[in-house]
Amino acid sequence: MSIKPKLPIHCPSCESQLKVTQLSCENCQTVVNGNFPLPLLLQLSKEEQEFILAFFLSSGSLKQMAQQMNISYPTVRNKLDDIITHIQQHQKEE
């Protein structure tokens, strides 16, 4: 099993948020340089991203997610509320 490299979102030296400065096409070798912010969802932690994906795949059913994760509905609801707050904080910063 190969390990996928994790996309860093914070500087390992000073913890500032990283920006994307280069994109490249593997097909034609085109390279685009600039200073692009990470999309909002990529600024969230891996755990938050996985929760959002599970929420999406369960068609937004917190009850279903609670059953799948083997935790209580209020716990799932609290996790969702925390992620919403985190996203709102990111939006205010932009």
Protein backbone atom coordinates (compact mmCIF):
# COMPACT_ATOMS: atom_id res chain seq x y z
CA MET A 1 0.00 0.00 0.00
CA SER A 2 1.45 3.35 -1.02
CA ILE A 3 1.03 6.41 1.18
CA LYS A 4 -0.35 9.52 -0.47
CA PRO A 5 1.54 12.67 0.43
CA LYS A 6 -0.52 15.06 2.53
CA LEU A 7 -1.08 18.53 1.10
CA PRO A 8 0.38 20.91 3.67
CA ILE A 9 -1.80 23.92 4.48
CA HIS A 10 0.43 25.57 7.11
CA CYS A 11 4.08 26.54 6.98
CA PRO A 12 6.15 23.99 8.92
CA SER A 13 8.37 26.80 10.17
CA CYS A 14 6.00 29.59 11.29
CA GLU A 15 2.52 27.99 10.98
CA SER A 16 1.27 30.69 8.57
CA GLN A 17 -1.21 29.56 5.95
CA LEU A 18 0.39 28.41 2.69
CA LYS A 19 -0.65 29.59 -0.78
CA VAL A 20 -0.51 27.71 -4.07
CA THR A 21 2.13 29.29 -6.32
CA GLN A 22 2.34 26.83 -9.20
CA LEU A 23 0.03 24.47 -11.05
CA SER A 24 1.13 22.13 -13.80
CA CYS A 25 -0.48 19.89 -16.41
CA GLU A 26 0.97 16.37 -16.55
CA ASN A 27 -0.40 15.93 -20.07
CA CYS A 28 1.09 18.89 -21.95
CA GLN A 29 3.57 20.19 -19.35
CA THR A 30 1.94 23.63 -19.19
CA VAL A 31 2.88 25.46 -15.98
CA VAL A 32 0.87 28.29 -14.43
CA ASN A 33 2.54 30.49 -11.81
CA GLY A 34 0.82 32.92 -9.47
CA ASN A 35 -0.22 33.33 -5.87
CA PHE A 36 -3.50 31.52 -5.33
CA PRO A 37 -5.27 30.95 -2.00
CA LEU A 38 -6.22 27.39 -1.12
CA PRO A 39 -9.94 26.67 -1.64
CA LEU A 40 -11.90 26.97 1.60
CA LEU A 41 -12.50 23.23 2.00
CA LEU A 42 -8.77 22.51 1.68
CA GLN A 43 -8.11 24.93 4.53
CA LEU A 44 -10.03 22.63 6.88
CA SER A 45 -8.38 19.79 8.78
CA LYS A 46 -8.36 16.30 7.30
CA GLU A 47 -10.88 15.24 9.96
CA GLU A 48 -13.23 18.10 9.03
CA GLN A 49 -12.90 17.27 5.33
CA GLU A 50 -13.71 13.61 6.00
CA PHE A 51 -16.74 14.62 8.08
CA ILE A 52 -18.04 16.84 5.26
CA LEU A 53 -17.55 14.01 2.74
CA ALA A 54 -19.43 11.60 5.01
CA PHE A 55 -22.20 14.20 5.43
CA PHE A 56 -22.46 14.56 1.66
CA LEU A 57 -22.44 10.79 1.04
CA SER A 58 -25.17 10.27 3.64
CA SER A 59 -27.32 12.86 1.82
CA GLY A 60 -27.04 15.18 4.81
CA SER A 61 -28.55 12.71 7.26
CA LEU A 62 -26.98 13.27 10.65
CA LYS A 63 -28.98 10.34 12.00
CA GLN A 64 -27.45 8.04 9.39
CA MET A 65 -23.97 9.42 10.09
CA ALA A 66 -24.41 8.80 13.83
CA GLN A 67 -25.30 5.18 13.12
CA GLN A 68 -22.37 4.70 10.73
CA MET A 69 -19.89 6.37 13.09
CA ASN A 70 -21.35 4.57 16.11
CA ILE A 71 -21.75 7.81 18.06
CA SER A 72 -24.76 9.74 19.31
CA TYR A 73 -26.77 12.12 17.17
CA PRO A 74 -25.94 15.11 19.47
CA THR A 75 -22.22 14.37 19.06
CA VAL A 76 -22.56 14.40 15.27
CA ARG A 77 -24.61 17.60 15.47
CA ASN A 78 -21.94 19.24 17.64
CA LYS A 79 -19.20 18.24 15.20
CA LEU A 80 -21.19 19.77 12.35
CA ASP A 81 -21.76 22.97 14.33
CA ASP A 82 -18.03 23.20 15.07
CA ILE A 83 -17.19 22.83 11.37
CA ILE A 84 -19.77 25.46 10.43
CA THR A 85 -18.20 27.87 12.94
CA HIS A 86 -14.72 27.12 11.59
CA ILE A 87 -15.87 27.76 7.99
CA GLN A 88 -17.54 31.03 9.02
CA GLN A 89 -14.28 32.16 10.65
CA HIS A 90 -12.39 31.40 7.44
CA GLN A 91 -14.94 33.35 5.40
CA LYS A 92 -14.56 36.41 7.64
CA GLU A 93 -10.78 36.29 7.14
CA GLU A 94 -11.13 36.39 3.34
